């Protein structure tokens, strides 16, 4: 880091932008993977949120709805899981619409210090979000708040990059 205050500030902005770029790329990769696999994004017939989500407030802000889903699930969640749950709670919004709102809401809650991310392995495709209170001192998830291991993307496809 430089000692010039203007450069120091610009380096901080650059760092924040690089983090946002990684998050956007991760979401885009997840969407590409989801749609290339032909996944059905309609309501999940196995979703039974009638009792668990009985007090869901459709009039709440999107950030509050996101926090609500975290509280109800009480574990680390992948963006894909969050989007599917919110879609099942409000079927009038499609997954694309929900995913578009998730990134800014997650970024806000992360910057606020409310949620933290856990990355499994080296791939940002395997990023899970949850409460800062759900991690051990070493940053690993507490067992009672563990993410769903079935959500881990084990795809090792090489991404074709052209310049």
N, C-alpha and C. Protein backbone atom coordinates (compact mmCIF):
# COMPACT_ATOMS: atom_id res chain seq x y z
N UNK A 1 0.83 -1.19 0.00
CA UNK A 1 0.00 0.00 0.00
C UNK A 1 0.87 1.25 0.00
N UNK A 2 0.40 2.23 -0.65
CA UNK A 2 1.12 3.50 -0.75
C UNK A 2 0.79 4.38 0.45
N UNK A 3 1.64 5.36 0.69
CA UNK A 3 1.39 6.28 1.80
C UNK A 3 0.59 7.50 1.38
N UNK A 4 0.40 7.70 0.08
CA UNK A 4 -0.39 8.80 -0.42
C UNK A 4 -1.86 8.51 -0.12
N UNK A 5 -2.56 9.42 0.58
CA UNK A 5 -3.96 9.15 0.96
C UNK A 5 -4.90 8.91 -0.22
N UNK A 6 -4.70 9.62 -1.30
CA UNK A 6 -5.57 9.44 -2.47
C UNK A 6 -5.37 8.05 -3.07
N UNK A 7 -4.11 7.65 -3.17
CA UNK A 7 -3.82 6.32 -3.72
C UNK A 7 -4.33 5.23 -2.78
N UNK A 8 -4.16 5.43 -1.49
CA UNK A 8 -4.64 4.46 -0.50
C UNK A 8 -6.16 4.28 -0.63
N UNK A 9 -6.87 5.38 -0.77
CA UNK A 9 -8.33 5.32 -0.91
C UNK A 9 -8.72 4.61 -2.20
N UNK A 10 -8.02 4.91 -3.29
CA UNK A 10 -8.31 4.26 -4.57
C UNK A 10 -8.01 2.76 -4.50
N UNK A 11 -7.00 2.38 -3.78
CA UNK A 11 -6.68 0.96 -3.62
C UNK A 11 -7.79 0.24 -2.85
N UNK A 12 -8.39 0.91 -1.86
CA UNK A 12 -9.52 0.34 -1.13
C UNK A 12 -10.72 0.15 -2.05
N UNK A 13 -10.99 1.17 -2.88
CA UNK A 13 -12.10 1.08 -3.84
C UNK A 13 -11.85 -0.06 -4.81
N UNK A 14 -10.62 -0.16 -5.29
CA UNK A 14 -10.27 -1.23 -6.22
C UNK A 14 -10.51 -2.60 -5.58
N UNK A 15 -10.10 -2.76 -4.35
CA UNK A 15 -10.28 -4.03 -3.63
C UNK A 15 -11.76 -4.38 -3.53
N UNK A 16 -12.60 -3.41 -3.17
CA UNK A 16 -14.05 -3.64 -3.07
C UNK A 16 -14.64 -4.03 -4.42
N UNK A 17 -14.18 -3.35 -5.49
CA UNK A 17 -14.68 -3.66 -6.83
C UNK A 17 -14.27 -5.07 -7.26
N UNK A 18 -13.07 -5.48 -6.94
CA UNK A 18 -12.61 -6.82 -7.29
C UNK A 18 -13.45 -7.89 -6.57
N UNK A 19 -13.81 -7.61 -5.34
CA UNK A 19 -14.67 -8.54 -4.60
C UNK A 19 -16.04 -8.63 -5.27
N UNK A 20 -16.59 -7.48 -5.66
CA UNK A 20 -17.90 -7.47 -6.34
C UNK A 20 -17.83 -8.21 -7.67
N UNK A 21 -16.74 -8.02 -8.41
CA UNK A 21 -16.57 -8.71 -9.69
C UNK A 21 -16.57 -10.22 -9.47
N UNK A 22 -15.87 -10.69 -8.45
CA UNK A 22 -15.85 -12.13 -8.15
C UNK A 22 -17.24 -12.64 -7.84
N UNK A 23 -18.01 -11.87 -7.06
CA UNK A 23 -19.36 -12.28 -6.71
C UNK A 23 -20.26 -12.33 -7.94
N UNK A 24 -20.14 -11.33 -8.82
CA UNK A 24 -20.94 -11.32 -10.05
C UNK A 24 -20.56 -12.49 -10.94
N UNK A 25 -19.28 -12.75 -11.08
CA UNK A 25 -18.83 -13.88 -11.91
C UNK A 25 -19.33 -15.20 -11.34
N UNK A 26 -19.31 -15.32 -10.02
CA UNK A 26 -19.80 -16.54 -9.38
C UNK A 26 -21.29 -16.74 -9.66
N UNK A 27 -22.07 -15.67 -9.55
CA UNK A 27 -23.50 -15.76 -9.82
C UNK A 27 -23.75 -16.09 -11.28
N UNK A 28 -22.99 -15.46 -12.19
CA UNK A 28 -23.15 -15.76 -13.62
C UNK A 28 -22.81 -17.22 -13.91
N UNK A 29 -21.75 -17.72 -13.33
CA UNK A 29 -21.36 -19.11 -13.55
C UNK A 29 -22.42 -20.06 -13.01
N UNK A 30 -22.98 -19.73 -11.85
CA UNK A 30 -24.03 -20.55 -11.27
C UNK A 30 -25.26 -20.56 -12.18
N UNK A 31 -25.62 -19.39 -12.71
CA UNK A 31 -26.77 -19.31 -13.62
C UNK A 31 -26.52 -20.09 -14.90
N UNK A 32 -25.32 -19.94 -15.46
CA UNK A 32 -24.98 -20.69 -16.68
C UNK A 32 -25.09 -22.19 -16.42
N UNK A 33 -24.56 -22.61 -15.29
CA UNK A 33 -24.59 -24.02 -14.93
C UNK A 33 -26.03 -24.49 -14.73
N UNK A 34 -26.82 -23.69 -14.04
CA UNK A 34 -28.19 -24.06 -13.74
C UNK A 34 -29.01 -24.19 -15.03
N UNK A 35 -28.87 -23.23 -15.95
CA UNK A 35 -29.67 -23.27 -17.17
C UNK A 35 -29.11 -24.23 -18.21
N UNK A 36 -27.81 -24.49 -18.20
CA UNK A 36 -27.26 -25.45 -19.15
C UNK A 36 -27.60 -26.87 -18.74
N UNK A 37 -27.86 -27.09 -17.47
CA UNK A 37 -28.26 -28.42 -17.00
C UNK A 37 -29.74 -28.67 -17.17
N UNK A 38 -30.46 -27.67 -17.66
CA UNK A 38 -31.89 -27.82 -17.91
C UNK A 38 -32.71 -27.96 -16.64
N UNK A 39 -32.23 -27.39 -15.54
CA UNK A 39 -32.98 -27.48 -14.30
C UNK A 39 -34.32 -26.76 -14.43
N UNK A 40 -35.30 -27.36 -13.85
CA UNK A 40 -36.63 -26.76 -13.83
C UNK A 40 -36.67 -25.75 -12.71
N UNK A 41 -37.00 -24.51 -13.02
CA UNK A 41 -37.04 -23.49 -11.99
C UNK A 41 -38.45 -23.21 -11.49
N UNK A 42 -39.38 -24.08 -11.84
CA UNK A 42 -40.73 -23.90 -11.33
C UNK A 42 -40.80 -24.33 -9.87
N UNK A 43 -41.93 -24.13 -9.25
CA UNK A 43 -42.08 -24.46 -7.84
C UNK A 43 -41.64 -25.88 -7.56
N UNK A 44 -40.97 -26.05 -6.45
CA UNK A 44 -40.51 -27.35 -6.02
C UNK A 44 -41.67 -28.07 -5.34
N UNK A 45 -42.13 -29.21 -5.90
CA UNK A 45 -43.26 -29.90 -5.30
C UNK A 45 -42.94 -30.45 -3.91
N UNK A 46 -41.65 -30.61 -3.60
CA UNK A 46 -41.26 -31.13 -2.29
C UNK A 46 -41.20 -30.03 -1.23
N UNK A 47 -41.30 -28.78 -1.65
CA UNK A 47 -41.21 -27.67 -0.70
C UNK A 47 -42.47 -27.64 0.15
N UNK A 48 -42.27 -27.76 1.44
CA UNK A 48 -43.40 -27.68 2.36
C UNK A 48 -43.08 -26.64 3.41
N UNK A 49 -43.31 -25.41 3.04
CA UNK A 49 -43.01 -24.32 3.95
C UNK A 49 -44.22 -23.82 4.70
N UNK A 50 -45.32 -24.56 4.61
CA UNK A 50 -46.56 -24.08 5.20
C UNK A 50 -46.43 -23.79 6.69
N UNK A 51 -45.78 -24.67 7.43
CA UNK A 51 -45.64 -24.43 8.87
C UNK A 51 -44.37 -23.65 9.19
N UNK A 52 -43.29 -24.05 8.59
CA UNK A 52 -41.99 -23.43 8.87
C UNK A 52 -41.99 -21.94 8.51
N UNK A 53 -42.64 -21.60 7.42
CA UNK A 53 -42.65 -20.24 6.93
C UNK A 53 -44.02 -19.56 7.09
N UNK A 54 -44.79 -20.03 8.04
CA UNK A 54 -46.16 -19.52 8.22
C UNK A 54 -46.20 -18.02 8.49
N UNK A 55 -45.16 -17.48 9.10
CA UNK A 55 -45.17 -16.06 9.45
C UNK A 55 -44.39 -15.21 8.43
N UNK A 56 -44.19 -15.74 7.22
CA UNK A 56 -43.49 -15.00 6.17
C UNK A 56 -44.27 -13.76 5.80
N UNK A 57 -43.58 -12.62 5.76
CA UNK A 57 -44.22 -11.34 5.46
C UNK A 57 -43.86 -10.91 4.04
N UNK A 58 -44.81 -11.03 3.13
CA UNK A 58 -44.57 -10.67 1.73
C UNK A 58 -44.36 -9.17 1.56
N UNK A 59 -44.74 -8.39 2.56
CA UNK A 59 -44.60 -6.94 2.46
C UNK A 59 -43.25 -6.45 3.00
N UNK A 60 -42.46 -7.35 3.55
CA UNK A 60 -41.15 -6.98 4.11
C UNK A 60 -40.20 -6.58 2.99
N UNK A 61 -39.14 -5.88 3.35
CA UNK A 61 -38.13 -5.52 2.36
C UNK A 61 -37.39 -6.79 1.93
N UNK A 62 -36.74 -6.72 0.79
CA UNK A 62 -36.03 -7.90 0.29
C UNK A 62 -34.93 -8.32 1.26
N UNK A 63 -34.24 -7.35 1.84
CA UNK A 63 -33.19 -7.68 2.82
C UNK A 63 -33.78 -8.40 4.03
N UNK A 64 -34.94 -7.93 4.50
CA UNK A 64 -35.59 -8.58 5.63
C UNK A 64 -36.04 -9.99 5.27
N UNK A 65 -36.51 -10.16 4.04
CA UNK A 65 -36.91 -11.50 3.59
C UNK A 65 -35.70 -12.43 3.56
N UNK A 66 -34.57 -11.91 3.12
CA UNK A 66 -33.34 -12.70 3.08
C UNK A 66 -32.93 -13.11 4.49
N UNK A 67 -32.93 -12.16 5.41
CA UNK A 67 -32.58 -12.45 6.80
C UNK A 67 -33.56 -13.46 7.40
N UNK A 68 -34.81 -13.34 7.04
CA UNK A 68 -35.85 -14.27 7.50
C UNK A 68 -35.54 -15.70 7.06
N UNK A 69 -35.17 -15.86 5.79
CA UNK A 69 -34.84 -17.20 5.27
C UNK A 69 -33.65 -17.78 6.04
N UNK A 70 -32.63 -16.96 6.29
CA UNK A 70 -31.49 -17.44 7.08
C UNK A 70 -31.93 -17.89 8.47
N UNK A 71 -32.77 -17.08 9.12
CA UNK A 71 -33.23 -17.44 10.47
C UNK A 71 -34.01 -18.75 10.45
N UNK A 72 -34.89 -18.91 9.48
CA UNK A 72 -35.73 -20.11 9.43
C UNK A 72 -34.91 -21.35 9.10
N UNK A 73 -33.96 -21.23 8.17
CA UNK A 73 -33.15 -22.39 7.79
C UNK A 73 -32.07 -22.69 8.84
N UNK A 74 -31.60 -21.64 9.51
CA UNK A 74 -30.65 -21.78 10.61
C UNK A 74 -29.38 -22.52 10.20
N UNK A 75 -28.94 -22.27 8.97
CA UNK A 75 -27.71 -22.90 8.48
C UNK A 75 -27.18 -22.09 7.31
N UNK A 76 -25.94 -22.38 6.94
CA UNK A 76 -25.35 -21.72 5.78
C UNK A 76 -26.08 -22.16 4.52
N UNK A 77 -26.32 -21.19 3.63
CA UNK A 77 -27.08 -21.45 2.41
C UNK A 77 -26.32 -20.99 1.18
N UNK A 78 -26.49 -21.74 0.11
CA UNK A 78 -25.96 -21.35 -1.19
C UNK A 78 -26.97 -20.40 -1.82
N UNK A 79 -26.50 -19.50 -2.68
CA UNK A 79 -27.39 -18.54 -3.33
C UNK A 79 -28.53 -19.28 -4.04
N UNK A 80 -28.21 -20.40 -4.63
CA UNK A 80 -29.20 -21.20 -5.35
C UNK A 80 -30.33 -21.64 -4.40
N UNK A 81 -29.98 -22.06 -3.18
CA UNK A 81 -30.98 -22.47 -2.19
C UNK A 81 -31.85 -21.30 -1.75
N UNK A 82 -31.21 -20.17 -1.55
CA UNK A 82 -31.95 -18.98 -1.12
C UNK A 82 -32.96 -18.59 -2.20
N UNK A 83 -32.50 -18.56 -3.44
CA UNK A 83 -33.37 -18.17 -4.55
C UNK A 83 -34.55 -19.14 -4.68
N UNK A 84 -34.29 -20.42 -4.58
CA UNK A 84 -35.37 -21.41 -4.70
C UNK A 84 -36.37 -21.27 -3.57
N UNK A 85 -35.88 -21.05 -2.36
CA UNK A 85 -36.78 -20.88 -1.21
C UNK A 85 -37.64 -19.64 -1.38
N UNK A 86 -37.02 -18.53 -1.78
CA UNK A 86 -37.78 -17.29 -1.97
C UNK A 86 -38.78 -17.44 -3.11
N UNK A 87 -38.39 -18.15 -4.15
CA UNK A 87 -39.31 -18.38 -5.27
C UNK A 87 -40.51 -19.21 -4.80
N UNK A 88 -40.27 -20.21 -3.98
CA UNK A 88 -41.36 -21.02 -3.45
C UNK A 88 -42.27 -20.23 -2.52
N UNK A 89 -41.70 -19.27 -1.82
CA UNK A 89 -42.51 -18.43 -0.94
C UNK A 89 -43.30 -17.39 -1.72
N UNK A 90 -42.73 -16.93 -2.84
CA UNK A 90 -43.39 -15.93 -3.68
C UNK A 90 -43.26 -16.35 -5.15
N UNK A 91 -44.06 -17.31 -5.57
CA UNK A 91 -43.94 -17.87 -6.92
C UNK A 91 -44.12 -16.85 -8.05
N UNK A 92 -44.71 -15.70 -7.76
CA UNK A 92 -44.90 -14.72 -8.83
C UNK A 92 -43.57 -14.13 -9.30
N UNK A 93 -42.52 -14.25 -8.48
CA UNK A 93 -41.20 -13.78 -8.88
C UNK A 93 -40.39 -14.96 -9.39
N UNK A 94 -39.82 -14.80 -10.59
CA UNK A 94 -39.03 -15.90 -11.12
C UNK A 94 -37.63 -15.88 -10.52
N UNK A 95 -36.93 -16.98 -10.70
CA UNK A 95 -35.60 -17.16 -10.11
C UNK A 95 -34.64 -16.06 -10.59
N UNK A 96 -34.69 -15.70 -11.87
CA UNK A 96 -33.79 -14.67 -12.39
C UNK A 96 -33.99 -13.35 -11.66
N UNK A 97 -35.25 -12.98 -11.43
CA UNK A 97 -35.56 -11.75 -10.72
C UNK A 97 -35.00 -11.79 -9.30
N UNK A 98 -35.19 -12.91 -8.64
CA UNK A 98 -34.73 -13.06 -7.26
C UNK A 98 -33.21 -13.02 -7.20
N UNK A 99 -32.55 -13.73 -8.13
CA UNK A 99 -31.09 -13.74 -8.15
C UNK A 99 -30.53 -12.33 -8.37
N UNK A 100 -31.21 -11.55 -9.18
CA UNK A 100 -30.79 -10.18 -9.43
C UNK A 100 -30.84 -9.32 -8.18
N UNK A 101 -31.75 -9.63 -7.29
CA UNK A 101 -31.87 -8.86 -6.04
C UNK A 101 -30.99 -9.42 -4.93
N UNK A 102 -30.60 -10.68 -5.05
CA UNK A 102 -29.84 -11.31 -3.97
C UNK A 102 -28.44 -10.73 -3.80
N UNK A 103 -27.74 -10.54 -4.90
CA UNK A 103 -26.35 -10.07 -4.80
C UNK A 103 -26.23 -8.75 -4.04
N UNK A 104 -27.03 -7.73 -4.36
CA UNK A 104 -26.92 -6.49 -3.60
C UNK A 104 -27.34 -6.66 -2.13
N UNK A 105 -28.33 -7.49 -1.89
CA UNK A 105 -28.79 -7.70 -0.50
C UNK A 105 -27.71 -8.43 0.31
N UNK A 106 -27.09 -9.43 -0.29
CA UNK A 106 -26.02 -10.17 0.38
C UNK A 106 -24.85 -9.24 0.64
N UNK A 107 -24.49 -8.43 -0.36
CA UNK A 107 -23.38 -7.49 -0.20
C UNK A 107 -23.66 -6.52 0.95
N UNK A 108 -24.89 -6.02 1.02
CA UNK A 108 -25.25 -5.10 2.10
C UNK A 108 -25.12 -5.79 3.46
N UNK A 109 -25.68 -6.99 3.60
CA UNK A 109 -25.63 -7.69 4.89
C UNK A 109 -24.19 -8.09 5.26
N UNK A 110 -23.38 -8.41 4.23
CA UNK A 110 -21.98 -8.75 4.49
C UNK A 110 -21.23 -7.52 4.99
N UNK A 111 -21.40 -6.39 4.33
CA UNK A 111 -20.72 -5.16 4.74
C UNK A 111 -21.18 -4.70 6.11
N UNK A 112 -22.43 -4.96 6.42
CA UNK A 112 -23.00 -4.61 7.72
C UNK A 112 -22.43 -5.51 8.82
N UNK A 113 -21.87 -6.65 8.42
CA UNK A 113 -21.30 -7.58 9.39
C UNK A 113 -22.31 -8.59 9.90
N UNK A 114 -23.47 -8.64 9.28
CA UNK A 114 -24.53 -9.56 9.71
C UNK A 114 -24.27 -10.98 9.23
N UNK A 115 -23.78 -11.11 7.99
CA UNK A 115 -23.52 -12.44 7.44
C UNK A 115 -22.06 -12.54 7.00
N UNK A 116 -21.61 -13.78 6.91
CA UNK A 116 -20.26 -14.08 6.44
C UNK A 116 -20.36 -15.18 5.39
N UNK A 117 -19.29 -15.32 4.63
CA UNK A 117 -19.30 -16.38 3.63
C UNK A 117 -18.31 -17.45 4.02
N UNK A 118 -18.64 -18.67 3.60
CA UNK A 118 -17.77 -19.81 3.75
C UNK A 118 -17.59 -20.38 2.36
N UNK A 119 -16.35 -20.49 1.91
CA UNK A 119 -16.06 -21.05 0.60
C UNK A 119 -15.51 -22.45 0.81
N UNK A 120 -16.15 -23.43 0.16
CA UNK A 120 -15.71 -24.81 0.26
C UNK A 120 -14.75 -25.09 -0.89
N UNK A 121 -13.54 -25.48 -0.56
CA UNK A 121 -12.54 -25.73 -1.58
C UNK A 121 -12.03 -24.42 -2.16
N UNK A 122 -11.63 -24.48 -3.43
CA UNK A 122 -11.03 -23.31 -4.06
C UNK A 122 -12.01 -22.57 -4.97
N UNK A 123 -13.16 -23.16 -5.23
CA UNK A 123 -14.10 -22.57 -6.18
C UNK A 123 -15.09 -21.65 -5.49
N UNK A 124 -15.23 -20.43 -6.03
CA UNK A 124 -16.22 -19.50 -5.49
C UNK A 124 -17.64 -19.95 -5.85
N UNK A 125 -17.76 -20.96 -6.71
CA UNK A 125 -19.09 -21.54 -6.98
C UNK A 125 -19.62 -22.21 -5.72
N UNK A 126 -18.73 -22.56 -4.83
CA UNK A 126 -19.11 -23.23 -3.59
C UNK A 126 -19.05 -22.26 -2.42
N UNK A 127 -19.69 -21.12 -2.59
CA UNK A 127 -19.78 -20.12 -1.53
C UNK A 127 -21.13 -20.24 -0.83
N UNK A 128 -21.07 -20.30 0.48
CA UNK A 128 -22.27 -20.41 1.30
C UNK A 128 -22.30 -19.22 2.25
N UNK A 129 -23.50 -18.71 2.50
CA UNK A 129 -23.69 -17.53 3.32
C UNK A 129 -24.46 -17.87 4.58
N UNK A 130 -24.11 -17.21 5.68
CA UNK A 130 -24.83 -17.43 6.93
C UNK A 130 -24.43 -16.42 7.99
N UNK A 131 -25.02 -16.57 9.14
CA UNK A 131 -24.80 -15.64 10.25
C UNK A 131 -23.35 -15.68 10.72
N UNK A 132 -22.86 -14.52 11.11
CA UNK A 132 -21.50 -14.45 11.67
C UNK A 132 -21.39 -15.27 12.96
N UNK A 133 -22.52 -15.54 13.59
CA UNK A 133 -22.54 -16.32 14.83
C UNK A 133 -22.48 -17.82 14.59
N UNK A 134 -22.52 -18.23 13.35
CA UNK A 134 -22.55 -19.65 13.01
C UNK A 134 -21.18 -20.21 12.66
N UNK A 135 -20.12 -19.44 12.88
CA UNK A 135 -18.77 -19.93 12.57
C UNK A 135 -17.95 -20.07 13.84
N UNK A 136 -17.02 -21.03 13.79
CA UNK A 136 -16.05 -21.22 14.87
C UNK A 136 -14.96 -20.15 14.74
N UNK A 137 -14.06 -20.11 15.70
CA UNK A 137 -12.97 -19.14 15.68
C UNK A 137 -12.09 -19.28 14.43
N UNK A 138 -12.01 -20.48 13.88
CA UNK A 138 -11.18 -20.70 12.69
C UNK A 138 -11.93 -20.38 11.39
N UNK A 139 -13.18 -19.93 11.50
CA UNK A 139 -13.95 -19.56 10.30
C UNK A 139 -14.75 -20.70 9.71
N UNK A 140 -14.67 -21.88 10.30
CA UNK A 140 -15.45 -23.01 9.79
C UNK A 140 -16.85 -23.00 10.39
N UNK A 141 -17.83 -23.52 9.65
CA UNK A 141 -19.21 -23.51 10.16
C UNK A 141 -19.36 -24.43 11.38
N UNK A 142 -20.12 -23.98 12.34
CA UNK A 142 -20.45 -24.84 13.48
C UNK A 142 -21.32 -25.97 12.97
N UNK A 143 -21.18 -27.17 13.53
CA UNK A 143 -21.90 -28.34 13.01
C UNK A 143 -23.42 -28.15 12.90
N UNK A 144 -24.03 -27.47 13.86
CA UNK A 144 -25.48 -27.29 13.83
C UNK A 144 -25.95 -26.31 12.76
N UNK A 145 -25.00 -25.61 12.13
CA UNK A 145 -25.33 -24.63 11.09
C UNK A 145 -24.65 -24.98 9.75
N UNK A 146 -24.22 -26.22 9.62
CA UNK A 146 -23.49 -26.67 8.44
C UNK A 146 -24.33 -26.55 7.18
N UNK A 147 -23.68 -26.19 6.09
CA UNK A 147 -24.33 -26.10 4.78
C UNK A 147 -24.71 -27.50 4.30
N UNK A 148 -25.58 -27.55 3.32
CA UNK A 148 -26.00 -28.81 2.70
C UNK A 148 -24.90 -29.24 1.73
N UNK A 149 -24.25 -30.34 2.04
CA UNK A 149 -23.14 -30.81 1.20
C UNK A 149 -23.58 -31.20 -0.20
N UNK A 150 -24.87 -31.43 -0.39
CA UNK A 150 -25.39 -31.75 -1.72
C UNK A 150 -25.36 -30.52 -2.64
N UNK A 151 -25.19 -29.34 -2.06
CA UNK A 151 -25.15 -28.11 -2.85
C UNK A 151 -23.76 -27.80 -3.39
N UNK A 152 -22.78 -28.60 -3.02
CA UNK A 152 -21.40 -28.35 -3.47
C UNK A 152 -21.29 -28.73 -4.94
N UNK A 153 -20.75 -27.82 -5.72
CA UNK A 153 -20.56 -28.03 -7.15
C UNK A 153 -19.20 -28.69 -7.35
N UNK A 154 -19.21 -29.94 -7.82
CA UNK A 154 -17.97 -30.66 -8.04
C UNK A 154 -17.53 -30.63 -9.49
N UNK A 155 -18.15 -29.78 -10.29
CA UNK A 155 -17.83 -29.69 -11.71
C UNK A 155 -16.39 -29.25 -11.89
N UNK A 156 -15.68 -29.98 -12.68
CA UNK A 156 -14.28 -29.65 -12.96
C UNK A 156 -14.10 -29.28 -14.43
N UNK A 157 -15.20 -28.89 -15.07
CA UNK A 157 -15.13 -28.50 -16.47
C UNK A 157 -14.20 -27.31 -16.61
N UNK A 158 -13.34 -27.39 -17.61
CA UNK A 158 -12.47 -26.26 -17.89
C UNK A 158 -13.27 -25.21 -18.64
N UNK A 159 -13.21 -24.00 -18.17
CA UNK A 159 -13.93 -22.91 -18.81
C UNK A 159 -13.11 -22.44 -20.00
N UNK A 160 -13.76 -22.35 -21.16
CA UNK A 160 -13.06 -21.90 -22.34
C UNK A 160 -12.96 -20.39 -22.31
N UNK A 161 -11.74 -19.91 -22.40
CA UNK A 161 -11.49 -18.48 -22.37
C UNK A 161 -10.85 -18.08 -23.69
N UNK A 162 -11.45 -17.10 -24.33
CA UNK A 162 -10.88 -16.61 -25.58
C UNK A 162 -10.55 -15.13 -25.40
N UNK A 163 -9.51 -14.74 -26.06
CA UNK A 163 -9.06 -13.34 -25.98
C UNK A 163 -9.00 -12.77 -27.37
